[in-house]
């Protein structure tokens, strides 16, 4: 995660909130948004063997 990006931090916080609520579909959606939001100039690769949620 890009700790300096406010959008990354926001999506990560929303993801964690959704996970705590048991909404893993929404948590995954927030992870996808975090990885794809436009201020990133490079693709953030998925970690092999690790789940996003």
N, C-alpha and C. Protein backbone atom coordinates (compact mmCIF):
# COMPACT_ATOMS: atom_id res chain seq x y z
N UNK A 1 0.84 -1.19 0.00
CA UNK A 1 0.00 0.00 0.00
C UNK A 1 0.88 1.24 0.00
N UNK A 2 0.43 2.25 -0.69
CA UNK A 2 1.13 3.52 -0.72
C UNK A 2 0.67 4.34 0.49
N UNK A 3 1.49 4.38 1.54
CA UNK A 3 1.11 5.05 2.79
C UNK A 3 1.03 6.57 2.65
N UNK A 4 1.65 7.12 1.63
CA UNK A 4 1.63 8.57 1.47
C UNK A 4 0.42 9.05 0.68
N UNK A 5 -0.27 8.16 0.04
CA UNK A 5 -1.42 8.54 -0.79
C UNK A 5 -2.69 8.54 0.05
N UNK A 6 -3.37 9.69 0.16
CA UNK A 6 -4.59 9.73 0.97
C UNK A 6 -5.71 8.85 0.42
N UNK A 7 -5.76 8.70 -0.90
CA UNK A 7 -6.79 7.85 -1.49
C UNK A 7 -6.54 6.39 -1.13
N UNK A 8 -5.28 5.96 -1.19
CA UNK A 8 -4.94 4.58 -0.78
C UNK A 8 -5.34 4.34 0.67
N UNK A 9 -5.00 5.28 1.53
CA UNK A 9 -5.34 5.13 2.96
C UNK A 9 -6.84 5.08 3.16
N UNK A 10 -7.59 5.90 2.43
CA UNK A 10 -9.04 5.93 2.55
C UNK A 10 -9.65 4.59 2.12
N UNK A 11 -9.24 4.11 0.95
CA UNK A 11 -9.76 2.82 0.48
C UNK A 11 -9.37 1.68 1.42
N UNK A 12 -8.16 1.72 1.95
CA UNK A 12 -7.72 0.67 2.88
C UNK A 12 -8.57 0.70 4.15
N UNK A 13 -8.87 1.89 4.65
CA UNK A 13 -9.70 2.01 5.85
C UNK A 13 -11.11 1.49 5.58
N UNK A 14 -11.65 1.83 4.41
CA UNK A 14 -12.98 1.33 4.06
C UNK A 14 -12.96 -0.20 3.90
N UNK A 15 -11.89 -0.72 3.33
CA UNK A 15 -11.75 -2.17 3.18
C UNK A 15 -11.76 -2.85 4.55
N UNK A 16 -10.99 -2.32 5.47
CA UNK A 16 -10.93 -2.91 6.81
C UNK A 16 -12.29 -2.82 7.52
N UNK A 17 -12.97 -1.72 7.34
CA UNK A 17 -14.30 -1.55 7.93
C UNK A 17 -15.27 -2.59 7.36
N UNK A 18 -15.21 -2.80 6.06
CA UNK A 18 -16.08 -3.80 5.43
C UNK A 18 -15.74 -5.20 5.91
N UNK A 19 -14.45 -5.49 6.07
CA UNK A 19 -14.04 -6.81 6.58
C UNK A 19 -14.58 -7.04 7.98
N UNK A 20 -14.47 -6.02 8.84
CA UNK A 20 -14.97 -6.15 10.22
C UNK A 20 -16.48 -6.38 10.23
N UNK A 21 -17.17 -5.81 9.24
CA UNK A 21 -18.63 -5.98 9.16
C UNK A 21 -19.00 -7.32 8.50
N UNK A 22 -18.00 -8.05 8.02
CA UNK A 22 -18.25 -9.33 7.39
C UNK A 22 -18.64 -9.23 5.92
N UNK A 23 -18.49 -8.06 5.33
CA UNK A 23 -18.83 -7.86 3.92
C UNK A 23 -17.56 -7.97 3.08
N UNK A 24 -17.18 -9.22 2.79
CA UNK A 24 -15.93 -9.46 2.08
C UNK A 24 -16.01 -9.07 0.61
N UNK A 25 -17.19 -9.07 0.05
CA UNK A 25 -17.36 -8.61 -1.33
C UNK A 25 -17.03 -7.13 -1.43
N UNK A 26 -17.56 -6.35 -0.51
CA UNK A 26 -17.28 -4.91 -0.50
C UNK A 26 -15.80 -4.66 -0.18
N UNK A 27 -15.23 -5.46 0.72
CA UNK A 27 -13.81 -5.30 1.04
C UNK A 27 -12.96 -5.52 -0.21
N UNK A 28 -13.31 -6.52 -0.99
CA UNK A 28 -12.59 -6.78 -2.24
C UNK A 28 -12.77 -5.62 -3.21
N UNK A 29 -13.97 -5.09 -3.29
CA UNK A 29 -14.22 -3.94 -4.17
C UNK A 29 -13.33 -2.76 -3.80
N UNK A 30 -13.19 -2.48 -2.51
CA UNK A 30 -12.34 -1.36 -2.09
C UNK A 30 -10.87 -1.64 -2.40
N UNK A 31 -10.44 -2.89 -2.28
CA UNK A 31 -9.06 -3.22 -2.63
C UNK A 31 -8.81 -3.00 -4.12
N UNK A 32 -9.76 -3.39 -4.95
CA UNK A 32 -9.63 -3.17 -6.39
C UNK A 32 -9.57 -1.66 -6.68
N UNK A 33 -10.44 -0.89 -6.06
CA UNK A 33 -10.41 0.56 -6.25
C UNK A 33 -9.07 1.15 -5.83
N UNK A 34 -8.55 0.69 -4.70
CA UNK A 34 -7.26 1.20 -4.22
C UNK A 34 -6.16 0.91 -5.23
N UNK A 35 -6.15 -0.27 -5.77
CA UNK A 35 -5.10 -0.64 -6.72
C UNK A 35 -5.23 0.08 -8.05
N UNK A 36 -6.43 0.49 -8.40
CA UNK A 36 -6.65 1.07 -9.73
C UNK A 36 -6.85 2.58 -9.75
N UNK A 37 -6.88 3.24 -8.62
CA UNK A 37 -7.22 4.66 -8.68
C UNK A 37 -6.19 5.45 -9.48
N UNK A 38 -6.62 6.50 -10.15
CA UNK A 38 -5.82 7.17 -11.19
C UNK A 38 -4.53 7.83 -10.74
N UNK A 39 -4.33 8.11 -9.50
CA UNK A 39 -3.10 8.82 -9.14
C UNK A 39 -1.88 7.91 -9.14
N UNK A 40 -2.08 6.61 -9.29
CA UNK A 40 -0.94 5.70 -9.40
C UNK A 40 -0.46 5.66 -10.84
N UNK A 41 0.82 5.84 -11.03
CA UNK A 41 1.36 5.79 -12.38
C UNK A 41 1.86 4.40 -12.73
N UNK A 42 2.00 3.54 -11.73
CA UNK A 42 2.42 2.16 -11.98
C UNK A 42 1.39 1.23 -11.38
N UNK A 43 1.28 0.06 -11.95
CA UNK A 43 0.36 -0.95 -11.45
C UNK A 43 0.91 -1.54 -10.15
N UNK A 44 0.06 -1.71 -9.15
CA UNK A 44 0.46 -2.35 -7.90
C UNK A 44 0.17 -3.84 -8.06
N UNK A 45 1.21 -4.66 -8.17
CA UNK A 45 0.96 -6.07 -8.40
C UNK A 45 0.35 -6.76 -7.19
N UNK A 46 -0.41 -7.77 -7.47
CA UNK A 46 -1.00 -8.59 -6.43
C UNK A 46 0.09 -9.46 -5.82
N UNK A 47 0.05 -9.67 -4.54
CA UNK A 47 1.03 -10.50 -3.86
C UNK A 47 0.72 -11.96 -4.10
N UNK A 48 1.64 -12.74 -4.67
CA UNK A 48 1.37 -14.16 -4.91
C UNK A 48 1.09 -14.88 -3.60
N UNK A 49 0.06 -15.68 -3.60
CA UNK A 49 -0.27 -16.47 -2.42
C UNK A 49 -0.99 -15.73 -1.32
N UNK A 50 -1.20 -14.44 -1.48
CA UNK A 50 -1.89 -13.65 -0.46
C UNK A 50 -3.22 -13.19 -0.99
N UNK A 51 -4.22 -13.23 -0.13
CA UNK A 51 -5.54 -12.75 -0.51
C UNK A 51 -5.66 -11.29 -0.13
N UNK A 52 -6.45 -10.56 -0.88
CA UNK A 52 -6.62 -9.11 -0.64
C UNK A 52 -7.54 -8.85 0.54
N UNK A 53 -8.37 -9.77 0.88
CA UNK A 53 -9.34 -9.54 1.94
C UNK A 53 -8.99 -10.30 3.18
